[in-house]
Amino acid sequence: MTVTGSLLFYSILMAVLSFLSGLPAFWIQRKFEMALPLMVKLTSGLLISTCINLVIPEAIENLSSEKLHSASFGPLILLGFIVLYLTDIFSEQFTEYLQSSINLDEGPAHSIARSYFLSVVSNSTTLALLLHCLSDGIILATTLLSEPVEESSSTWMIILAIFLHKLPASFSLTSILLYEKLELNIIIFHLFLFSVSAPIGAWLTYGLSKIIDFPDTSFVLLFSTGAFLYIGFHTFLSCHTNAKGSNNNWNFLITIIGMIIPMLVSLLHD
């Protein structure tokens, strides 16, 4: 299969699986509404463990063959963490500024588009996961361009790692947005953006590779790892900081289960 054919196949598969992985959260919320808080606790464990067991090892494995000193791994990951932290702090002010600049005479289509846009830029969870998915697309494209799948088992491993950590991330995104009580259409829009962002990143990288020599992608991968790490810690702390009462034991158990799932996936992957 040609690089173009492989990229098209994996892009479609990634988008479809990512979207479908977020849908079970809707069913759980509709059938067992009281289970939604526990589902978010599960999500907090999933995100933290996915980052530690899948995302960071994937970054290190992918960069091990590149000429990047290991001492720069930590600062680049930390930079991604800090940028998302600052984005989270200033997104509220930015959203308020955009809302204050709304033209009251604009049509309903513009108003809807603006509300969808604001829902994305004001949500640090969605922003962090979109950024990470774009980097996944960049890694997918550069991997296929550098070494065809048929000729390298390591290429299969990189692609498999990308797919494995996107599935729990998709479920986690939907669960968090449901817990934040966003409108159904807004949640589906965020899930759609999450699903197509990796293919978009892959095809942009593929297109740029035809025009210029694509630069080293190690910075993008480590930066997005820091962003993923931030949203994992942010979700974990927001879920457990004020947790009190008789449900504490259940919260603890559900969170630990969420942490164990990606760990088992990583062991199976190895």
C-alpha atoms as a PDB file:
ATOM      1  CA  MET A   1       0.000   0.000   0.000  1.00  0.00           C
ATOM      2  CA  THR A   2       1.268   3.485  -0.855  1.00  0.00           C
ATOM      3  CA  VAL A   3       1.914   6.121   1.804  1.00  0.00           C
ATOM      4  CA  THR A   4      -1.150   8.061   0.630  1.00  0.00           C
ATOM      5  CA  GLY A   5      -3.338   4.964   0.821  1.00  0.00           C
ATOM      6  CA  SER A   6      -2.007   4.030   4.261  1.00  0.00           C
ATOM      7  CA  LEU A   7      -2.522   7.551   5.564  1.00  0.00           C
ATOM      8  CA  LEU A   8      -6.088   7.649   4.219  1.00  0.00           C
ATOM      9  CA  PHE A   9      -6.891   4.265   5.781  1.00  0.00           C
ATOM     10  CA  TYR A  10      -5.466   5.110   9.202  1.00  0.00           C
ATOM     11  CA  SER A  11      -7.007   8.606   9.190  1.00  0.00           C
ATOM     12  CA  ILE A  12     -10.509   7.267   8.539  1.00  0.00           C
ATOM     13  CA  LEU A  13     -10.065   4.432  11.050  1.00  0.00           C
ATOM     14  CA  MET A  14      -8.732   6.789  13.708  1.00  0.00           C
ATOM     15  CA  ALA A  15     -11.549   9.317  13.239  1.00  0.00           C
ATOM     16  CA  VAL A  16     -14.299   6.668  13.334  1.00  0.00           C
ATOM     17  CA  LEU A  17     -12.899   4.803  16.356  1.00  0.00           C
ATOM     18  CA  SER A  18     -12.281   8.047  18.263  1.00  0.00           C
ATOM     19  CA  PHE A  19     -15.859   9.204  17.701  1.00  0.00           C
ATOM     20  CA  LEU A  20     -17.385   5.836  18.563  1.00  0.00           C
ATOM     21  CA  SER A  21     -15.286   5.575  21.748  1.00  0.00           C
ATOM     22  CA  GLY A  22     -16.905   8.733  23.104  1.00  0.00           C
ATOM     23  CA  LEU A  23     -20.485   7.579  22.539  1.00  0.00           C
ATOM     24  CA  PRO A  24     -20.829   5.055  25.429  1.00  0.00           C
ATOM     25  CA  ALA A  25     -20.650   7.950  27.889  1.00  0.00           C
ATOM     26  CA  PHE A  26     -23.947   9.295  26.467  1.00  0.00           C
ATOM     27  CA  TRP A  27     -25.636   5.931  26.988  1.00  0.00           C
ATOM     28  CA  ILE A  28     -24.333   5.608  30.556  1.00  0.00           C
ATOM     29  CA  GLN A  29     -25.445   9.141  31.401  1.00  0.00           C
ATOM     30  CA  ARG A  30     -28.937   8.537  29.983  1.00  0.00           C
ATOM     31  CA  LYS A  31     -29.500   5.120  31.570  1.00  0.00           C
ATOM     32  CA  PHE A  32     -27.713   5.721  34.880  1.00  0.00           C
ATOM     33  CA  GLU A  33     -27.711   9.453  35.518  1.00  0.00           C
ATOM     34  CA  MET A  34     -26.569   8.989  39.120  1.00  0.00           C
ATOM     35  CA  ALA A  35     -23.468   7.193  37.824  1.00  0.00           C
ATOM     36  CA  LEU A  36     -22.151  10.293  36.035  1.00  0.00           C
ATOM     37  CA  PRO A  37     -20.071  11.585  39.012  1.00  0.00           C
ATOM     38  CA  LEU A  38     -18.505   8.130  39.377  1.00  0.00           C
ATOM     39  CA  MET A  39     -17.867   8.048  35.630  1.00  0.00           C
ATOM     40  CA  VAL A  40     -15.923  11.306  35.917  1.00  0.00           C
ATOM     41  CA  LYS A  41     -13.876   9.796  38.765  1.00  0.00           C
ATOM     42  CA  LEU A  42     -13.120   6.874  36.439  1.00  0.00           C
ATOM     43  CA  THR A  43     -12.138   9.401  33.775  1.00  0.00           C
ATOM     44  CA  SER A  44      -9.719  11.189  36.119  1.00  0.00           C
ATOM     45  CA  GLY A  45      -7.904   7.903  36.696  1.00  0.00           C
ATOM     46  CA  LEU A  46      -7.978   7.048  32.990  1.00  0.00           C
ATOM     47  CA  LEU A  47      -6.364  10.350  31.945  1.00  0.00           C
ATOM     48  CA  ILE A  48      -3.588  10.274  34.549  1.00  0.00           C
ATOM     49  CA  SER A  49      -2.738   6.641  33.837  1.00  0.00           C
ATOM     50  CA  THR A  50      -3.022   7.039  30.042  1.00  0.00           C
ATOM     51  CA  CYS A  51      -0.466   9.836  30.194  1.00  0.00           C
ATOM     52  CA  ILE A  52       1.948   7.901  32.433  1.00  0.00           C
ATOM     53  CA  ASN A  53       1.570   4.443  30.867  1.00  0.00           C
ATOM     54  CA  LEU A  54       0.922   5.236  27.193  1.00  0.00           C
ATOM     55  CA  VAL A  55       1.608   8.833  26.152  1.00  0.00           C
ATOM     56  CA  ILE A  56       4.976   9.440  27.859  1.00  0.00           C
ATOM     57  CA  PRO A  57       6.422   6.009  26.913  1.00  0.00           C
ATOM     58  CA  GLU A  58       5.194   6.569  23.339  1.00  0.00           C
ATOM     59  CA  ALA A  59       7.014   9.915  23.230  1.00  0.00           C
ATOM     60  CA  ILE A  60      10.241   8.437  24.620  1.00  0.00           C
ATOM     61  CA  GLU A  61      10.077   5.430  22.275  1.00  0.00           C
ATOM     62  CA  ASN A  62       9.453   7.617  19.247  1.00  0.00           C
ATOM     63  CA  LEU A  63      12.294   9.989  20.154  1.00  0.00           C
ATOM     64  CA  SER A  64      14.850   7.377  21.156  1.00  0.00           C
ATOM     65  CA  SER A  65      16.187   7.142  17.601  1.00  0.00           C
ATOM     66  CA  GLU A  66      16.297  10.924  17.085  1.00  0.00           C
ATOM     67  CA  LYS A  67      19.184  13.203  17.942  1.00  0.00           C
ATOM     68  CA  LEU A  68      17.546  14.778  20.964  1.00  0.00           C
ATOM     69  CA  HIS A  69      19.349  14.846  24.282  1.00  0.00           C
ATOM     70  CA  SER A  70      17.331  13.141  27.011  1.00  0.00           C
ATOM     71  CA  ALA A  71      17.951  16.116  29.340  1.00  0.00           C
ATOM     72  CA  SER A  72      15.641  18.223  27.148  1.00  0.00           C
ATOM     73  CA  PHE A  73      12.675  15.834  27.542  1.00  0.00           C
ATOM     74  CA  GLY A  74      11.614  17.227  30.922  1.00  0.00           C
ATOM     75  CA  PRO A  75      11.794  20.960  30.032  1.00  0.00           C
ATOM     76  CA  LEU A  76       9.796  20.455  26.820  1.00  0.00           C
ATOM     77  CA  ILE A  77       7.093  18.450  28.616  1.00  0.00           C
ATOM     78  CA  LEU A  78       7.020  21.089  31.359  1.00  0.00           C
ATOM     79  CA  LEU A  79       6.637  23.826  28.730  1.00  0.00           C
ATOM     80  CA  GLY A  80       3.517  22.138  27.364  1.00  0.00           C
ATOM     81  CA  PHE A  81       2.160  21.816  30.914  1.00  0.00           C
ATOM     82  CA  ILE A  82       2.797  25.523  31.663  1.00  0.00           C
ATOM     83  CA  VAL A  83       1.290  26.764  28.387  1.00  0.00           C
ATOM     84  CA  LEU A  84      -1.929  24.821  29.030  1.00  0.00           C
ATOM     85  CA  TYR A  85      -1.974  26.087  32.603  1.00  0.00           C
ATOM     86  CA  LEU A  86      -1.728  29.693  31.367  1.00  0.00           C
ATOM     87  CA  THR A  87      -4.346  28.997  28.707  1.00  0.00           C
ATOM     88  CA  ASP A  88      -6.673  27.675  31.386  1.00  0.00           C
ATOM     89  CA  ILE A  89      -6.154  30.820  33.495  1.00  0.00           C
ATOM     90  CA  PHE A  90      -6.659  33.356  30.705  1.00  0.00           C
ATOM     91  CA  SER A  91      -9.317  31.533  28.656  1.00  0.00           C
ATOM     92  CA  GLU A  92     -12.113  32.960  30.824  1.00  0.00           C
ATOM     93  CA  GLN A  93     -10.953  36.552  30.240  1.00  0.00           C
ATOM     94  CA  PHE A  94     -10.550  35.847  26.533  1.00  0.00           C
ATOM     95  CA  THR A  95     -14.068  34.404  26.340  1.00  0.00           C
ATOM     96  CA  GLU A  96     -15.527  37.410  28.135  1.00  0.00           C
ATOM     97  CA  TYR A  97     -13.745  39.724  25.690  1.00  0.00           C
ATOM     98  CA  LEU A  98     -15.146  37.834  22.701  1.00  0.00           C
ATOM     99  CA  GLN A  99     -18.642  37.855  24.175  1.00  0.00           C
ATOM    100  CA  SER A 100     -18.458  41.609  24.785  1.00  0.00           C
ATOM    101  CA  SER A 101     -17.563  42.161  21.136  1.00  0.00           C
ATOM    102  CA  ILE A 102     -20.661  40.367  19.850  1.00  0.00           C
ATOM    103  CA  ASN A 103     -22.553  42.316  17.207  1.00  0.00           C
ATOM    104  CA  LEU A 104     -26.217  42.279  18.187  1.00  0.00           C
ATOM    105  CA  ASP A 105     -27.222  42.663  14.527  1.00  0.00           C
ATOM    106  CA  GLU A 106     -25.453  39.519  13.374  1.00  0.00           C
ATOM    107  CA  GLY A 107     -27.562  36.682  11.974  1.00  0.00           C
ATOM    108  CA  PRO A 108     -28.472  33.479  13.829  1.00  0.00           C
ATOM    109  CA  ALA A 109     -25.909  31.452  11.841  1.00  0.00           C
ATOM    110  CA  HIS A 110     -23.082  33.731  12.978  1.00  0.00           C
ATOM    111  CA  SER A 111     -24.370  33.619  16.548  1.00  0.00           C
ATOM    112  CA  ILE A 112     -24.407  29.800  16.597  1.00  0.00           C
ATOM    113  CA  ALA A 113     -20.934  29.599  15.050  1.00  0.00           C
ATOM    114  CA  ARG A 114     -19.625  32.050  17.631  1.00  0.00           C
ATOM    115  CA  SER A 115     -21.133  30.084  20.529  1.00  0.00           C
ATOM    116  CA  TYR A 116     -19.548  26.851  19.253  1.00  0.00           C
ATOM    117  CA  PHE A 117     -16.183  28.583  18.885  1.00  0.00           C
ATOM    118  CA  LEU A 118     -16.398  30.085  22.376  1.00  0.00           C
ATOM    119  CA  SER A 119     -17.288  26.695  23.850  1.00  0.00           C
ATOM    120  CA  VAL A 120     -14.000  25.310  22.507  1.00  0.00           C
ATOM    121  CA  VAL A 121     -11.609  28.148  23.392  1.00  0.00           C
ATOM    122  CA  SER A 122     -13.028  28.417  26.905  1.00  0.00           C
ATOM    123  CA  ASN A 123     -12.649  24.696  27.674  1.00  0.00           C
ATOM    124  CA  SER A 124      -9.126  23.696  28.685  1.00  0.00           C
ATOM    125  CA  THR A 125      -9.935  19.979  28.481  1.00  0.00           C
ATOM    126  CA  THR A 126     -10.934  20.189  24.828  1.00  0.00           C
ATOM    127  CA  LEU A 127      -8.047  22.513  23.942  1.00  0.00           C
ATOM    128  CA  ALA A 128      -5.445  20.222  25.510  1.00  0.00           C
ATOM    129  CA  LEU A 129      -6.804  17.092  23.857  1.00  0.00           C
ATOM    130  CA  LEU A 130      -7.099  18.820  20.466  1.00  0.00           C
ATOM    131  CA  LEU A 131      -3.487  19.919  20.702  1.00  0.00           C
ATOM    132  CA  HIS A 132      -2.389  16.418  21.601  1.00  0.00           C
ATOM    133  CA  CYS A 133      -4.426  14.893  18.767  1.00  0.00           C
ATOM    134  CA  LEU A 134      -2.832  17.263  16.236  1.00  0.00           C
ATOM    135  CA  SER A 135       0.583  16.065  17.391  1.00  0.00           C
ATOM    136  CA  ASP A 136      -0.613  12.451  17.049  1.00  0.00           C
ATOM    137  CA  GLY A 137      -1.480  13.213  13.437  1.00  0.00           C
ATOM    138  CA  ILE A 138       1.960  14.740  12.857  1.00  0.00           C
ATOM    139  CA  ILE A 139       3.649  11.656  14.324  1.00  0.00           C
ATOM    140  CA  LEU A 140       1.443   9.322  12.257  1.00  0.00           C
ATOM    141  CA  ALA A 141       2.315  11.109   9.000  1.00  0.00           C
ATOM    142  CA  THR A 142       6.047  11.408   9.692  1.00  0.00           C
ATOM    143  CA  THR A 143       6.183   7.732  10.720  1.00  0.00           C
ATOM    144  CA  LEU A 144       4.531   6.591   7.497  1.00  0.00           C
ATOM    145  CA  LEU A 145       6.712   8.917   5.416  1.00  0.00           C
ATOM    146  CA  SER A 146       9.939   7.765   7.012  1.00  0.00           C
ATOM    147  CA  GLU A 147       9.281   4.025   7.000  1.00  0.00           C
ATOM    148  CA  PRO A 148       6.351   2.176   5.344  1.00  0.00           C
ATOM    149  CA  VAL A 149       4.283  -0.055   7.614  1.00  0.00           C
ATOM    150  CA  GLU A 150       5.035  -3.169   5.558  1.00  0.00           C
ATOM    151  CA  GLU A 151       8.771  -2.775   6.171  1.00  0.00           C
ATOM    152  CA  SER A 152       8.915  -2.039   9.901  1.00  0.00           C
ATOM    153  CA  SER A 153       7.387  -3.551  13.011  1.00  0.00           C
ATOM    154  CA  SER A 154       8.308  -0.376  14.938  1.00  0.00           C
ATOM    155  CA  THR A 155       5.978   1.584  12.658  1.00  0.00           C
ATOM    156  CA  TRP A 156       3.165  -0.765  13.647  1.00  0.00           C
ATOM    157  CA  MET A 157       3.978  -0.207  17.319  1.00  0.00           C
ATOM    158  CA  ILE A 158       3.870   3.600  16.989  1.00  0.00           C
ATOM    159  CA  ILE A 159       0.539   3.486  15.156  1.00  0.00           C
ATOM    160  CA  LEU A 160      -0.889   1.025  17.704  1.00  0.00           C
ATOM    161  CA  ALA A 161       0.234   3.232  20.594  1.00  0.00           C
ATOM    162  CA  ILE A 162      -1.511   6.246  19.033  1.00  0.00           C
ATOM    163  CA  PHE A 163      -4.749   4.303  18.648  1.00  0.00           C
ATOM    164  CA  LEU A 164      -4.637   2.787  22.140  1.00  0.00           C
ATOM    165  CA  HIS A 165      -4.402   6.051  24.055  1.00  0.00           C
ATOM    166  CA  LYS A 166      -6.956   7.889  21.894  1.00  0.00           C
ATOM    167  CA  LEU A 167      -9.790   5.541  22.884  1.00  0.00           C
ATOM    168  CA  PRO A 168      -9.792   6.255  26.655  1.00  0.00           C
ATOM    169  CA  ALA A 169      -9.118   9.932  25.931  1.00  0.00           C
ATOM    170  CA  SER A 170     -12.249  10.114  23.772  1.00  0.00           C
ATOM    171  CA  PHE A 171     -14.424   8.513  26.472  1.00  0.00           C
ATOM    172  CA  SER A 172     -12.886  10.812  29.082  1.00  0.00           C
ATOM    173  CA  LEU A 173     -13.579  13.952  27.027  1.00  0.00           C
ATOM    174  CA  THR A 174     -17.261  13.092  26.612  1.00  0.00           C
ATOM    175  CA  SER A 175     -17.645  12.183  30.291  1.00  0.00           C
ATOM    176  CA  ILE A 176     -16.085  15.458  31.461  1.00  0.00           C
ATOM    177  CA  LEU A 177     -18.213  17.566  29.116  1.00  0.00           C
ATOM    178  CA  LEU A 178     -21.363  15.774  30.258  1.00  0.00           C
ATOM    179  CA  TYR A 179     -20.378  16.417  33.881  1.00  0.00           C
ATOM    180  CA  GLU A 180     -19.917  20.110  33.021  1.00  0.00           C
ATOM    181  CA  LYS A 181     -23.540  20.061  31.749  1.00  0.00           C
ATOM    182  CA  LEU A 182     -22.790  21.403  28.291  1.00  0.00           C
ATOM    183  CA  GLU A 183     -25.492  21.180  25.641  1.00  0.00           C
ATOM    184  CA  LEU A 184     -25.672  17.891  23.720  1.00  0.00           C
ATOM    185  CA  ASN A 185     -24.902  19.552  20.372  1.00  0.00           C
ATOM    186  CA  ILE A 186     -21.860  21.286  21.857  1.00  0.00           C
ATOM    187  CA  ILE A 187     -20.538  18.004  23.288  1.00  0.00           C
ATOM    188  CA  ILE A 188     -20.975  16.221  19.950  1.00  0.00           C
ATOM    189  CA  PHE A 189     -19.184  19.117  18.230  1.00  0.00           C
ATOM    190  CA  HIS A 190     -16.246  18.835  20.643  1.00  0.00           C
ATOM    191  CA  LEU A 191     -16.147  15.054  20.139  1.00  0.00           C
ATOM    192  CA  PHE A 192     -16.191  15.548  16.363  1.00  0.00           C
ATOM    193  CA  LEU A 193     -13.282  18.024  16.563  1.00  0.00           C
ATOM    194  CA  PHE A 194     -11.373  15.578  18.753  1.00  0.00           C
ATOM    195  CA  SER A 195     -11.983  12.778  16.240  1.00  0.00           C
ATOM    196  CA  VAL A 196     -10.849  14.695  13.143  1.00  0.00           C
ATOM    197  CA  SER A 197      -7.971  16.702  14.635  1.00  0.00           C
ATOM    198  CA  ALA A 198      -5.434  13.856  14.346  1.00  0.00           C
ATOM    199  CA  PRO A 199      -6.295  13.164  10.676  1.00  0.00           C
ATOM    200  CA  ILE A 200      -6.113  16.909   9.993  1.00  0.00           C
ATOM    201  CA  GLY A 201      -2.667  17.078  11.590  1.00  0.00           C
ATOM    202  CA  ALA A 202      -1.571  14.041   9.572  1.00  0.00           C
ATOM    203  CA  TRP A 203      -2.710  15.427   6.216  1.00  0.00           C
ATOM    204  CA  LEU A 204      -1.281  18.892   6.910  1.00  0.00           C
ATOM    205  CA  THR A 205       2.055  17.244   7.675  1.00  0.00           C
ATOM    206  CA  TYR A 206       1.818  15.107   4.545  1.00  0.00           C
ATOM    207  CA  GLY A 207       1.014  18.151   2.411  1.00  0.00           C
ATOM    208  CA  LEU A 208       3.851  20.218   3.877  1.00  0.00           C
ATOM    209  CA  SER A 209       6.287  17.352   3.315  1.00  0.00           C
ATOM    210  CA  LYS A 210       5.644  17.709  -0.432  1.00  0.00           C
ATOM    211  CA  ILE A 211       6.614  21.386  -0.330  1.00  0.00           C
ATOM    212  CA  ILE A 212       9.376  21.642   2.280  1.00  0.00           C
ATOM    213  CA  ASP A 213      11.629  19.390   4.324  1.00  0.00           C
ATOM    214  CA  PHE A 214       9.481  18.945   7.394  1.00  0.00           C
ATOM    215  CA  PRO A 215      11.316  20.008  10.576  1.00  0.00           C
ATOM    216  CA  ASP A 216      12.012  17.860  13.598  1.00  0.00           C
ATOM    217  CA  THR A 217       8.710  16.900  15.255  1.00  0.00           C
ATOM    218  CA  SER A 218      10.204  16.030  18.641  1.00  0.00           C
ATOM    219  CA  PHE A 219       9.295  19.440  20.084  1.00  0.00           C
ATOM    220  CA  VAL A 220       5.633  19.034  19.081  1.00  0.00           C
ATOM    221  CA  LEU A 221       5.403  15.544  20.568  1.00  0.00           C
ATOM    222  CA  LEU A 222       6.943  16.462  23.928  1.00  0.00           C
ATOM    223  CA  PHE A 223       4.994  19.730  24.139  1.00  0.00           C
ATOM    224  CA  SER A 224       1.687  17.940  23.553  1.00  0.00           C
ATOM    225  CA  THR A 225       2.648  15.324  26.148  1.00  0.00           C
ATOM    226  CA  GLY A 226       2.918  18.149  28.691  1.00  0.00           C
ATOM    227  CA  ALA A 227      -0.496  19.423  27.623  1.00  0.00           C
ATOM    228  CA  PHE A 228      -1.996  15.946  28.105  1.00  0.00           C
ATOM    229  CA  LEU A 229      -0.314  15.682  31.501  1.00  0.00           C
ATOM    230  CA  TYR A 230      -1.831  19.009  32.580  1.00  0.00           C
ATOM    231  CA  ILE A 231      -5.361  18.029  31.684  1.00  0.00           C
ATOM    232  CA  GLY A 232      -4.916  14.701  33.506  1.00  0.00           C
ATOM    233  CA  PHE A 233      -3.811  16.429  36.722  1.00  0.00           C
ATOM    234  CA  HIS A 234      -6.382  19.202  36.314  1.00  0.00           C
ATOM    235  CA  THR A 235      -9.235  16.697  35.983  1.00  0.00           C
ATOM    236  CA  PHE A 236      -7.934  14.575  38.854  1.00  0.00           C
ATOM    237  CA  LEU A 237      -7.623  17.509  41.263  1.00  0.00           C
ATOM    238  CA  SER A 238     -10.968  19.051  40.307  1.00  0.00           C
ATOM    239  CA  CYS A 239     -12.692  15.712  40.930  1.00  0.00           C
ATOM    240  CA  HIS A 240     -11.075  14.920  44.273  1.00  0.00           C
ATOM    241  CA  THR A 241     -10.201  18.211  45.990  1.00  0.00           C
ATOM    242  CA  ASN A 242     -13.605  18.664  47.616  1.00  0.00           C
ATOM    243  CA  ALA A 243     -14.672  15.014  47.719  1.00  0.00           C
ATOM    244  CA  LYS A 244     -16.256  14.280  51.091  1.00  0.00           C
ATOM    245  CA  GLY A 245     -18.907  12.046  52.551  1.00  0.00           C
ATOM    246  CA  SER A 246     -19.842   8.385  52.419  1.00  0.00           C
ATOM    247  CA  ASN A 247     -19.027   8.052  48.698  1.00  0.00           C
ATOM    248  CA  ASN A 248     -15.311   8.630  49.311  1.00  0.00           C
ATOM    249  CA  ASN A 249     -14.497   4.922  49.325  1.00  0.00           C
ATOM    250  CA  TRP A 250     -16.341   4.412  46.032  1.00  0.00           C
ATOM    251  CA  ASN A 251     -14.616   7.452  44.528  1.00  0.00           C
ATOM    252  CA  PHE A 252     -11.246   6.021  45.509  1.00  0.00           C
ATOM    253  CA  LEU A 253     -12.053   2.561  44.114  1.00  0.00           C
ATOM    254  CA  ILE A 254     -13.434   3.855  40.801  1.00  0.00           C
ATOM    255  CA  THR A 255     -10.417   6.137  40.311  1.00  0.00           C
ATOM    256  CA  ILE A 256      -7.990   3.272  40.940  1.00  0.00           C
ATOM    257  CA  ILE A 257      -9.887   1.106  38.426  1.00  0.00           C
ATOM    258  CA  GLY A 258      -9.531   3.925  35.893  1.00  0.00           C
ATOM    259  CA  MET A 259      -5.775   3.989  36.547  1.00  0.00           C
ATOM    260  CA  ILE A 260      -5.416   0.224  36.182  1.00  0.00           C
ATOM    261  CA  ILE A 261      -7.098  -0.006  32.742  1.00  0.00           C
ATOM    262  CA  PRO A 262      -4.419   1.913  30.742  1.00  0.00           C
ATOM    263  CA  MET A 263      -1.701   0.112  32.717  1.00  0.00           C
ATOM    264  CA  LEU A 264      -3.106  -3.256  31.591  1.00  0.00           C
ATOM    265  CA  VAL A 265      -3.366  -1.956  28.023  1.00  0.00           C
ATOM    266  CA  SER A 266       0.301  -0.897  28.122  1.00  0.00           C
ATOM    267  CA  LEU A 267       1.329  -4.329  29.426  1.00  0.00           C
ATOM    268  CA  LEU A 268      -0.626  -6.038  26.643  1.00  0.00           C
ATOM    269  CA  HIS A 269       0.984  -3.661  24.135  1.00  0.00           C
ATOM    270  CA  ASP A 270       4.446  -4.585  25.407  1.00  0.00           C
END
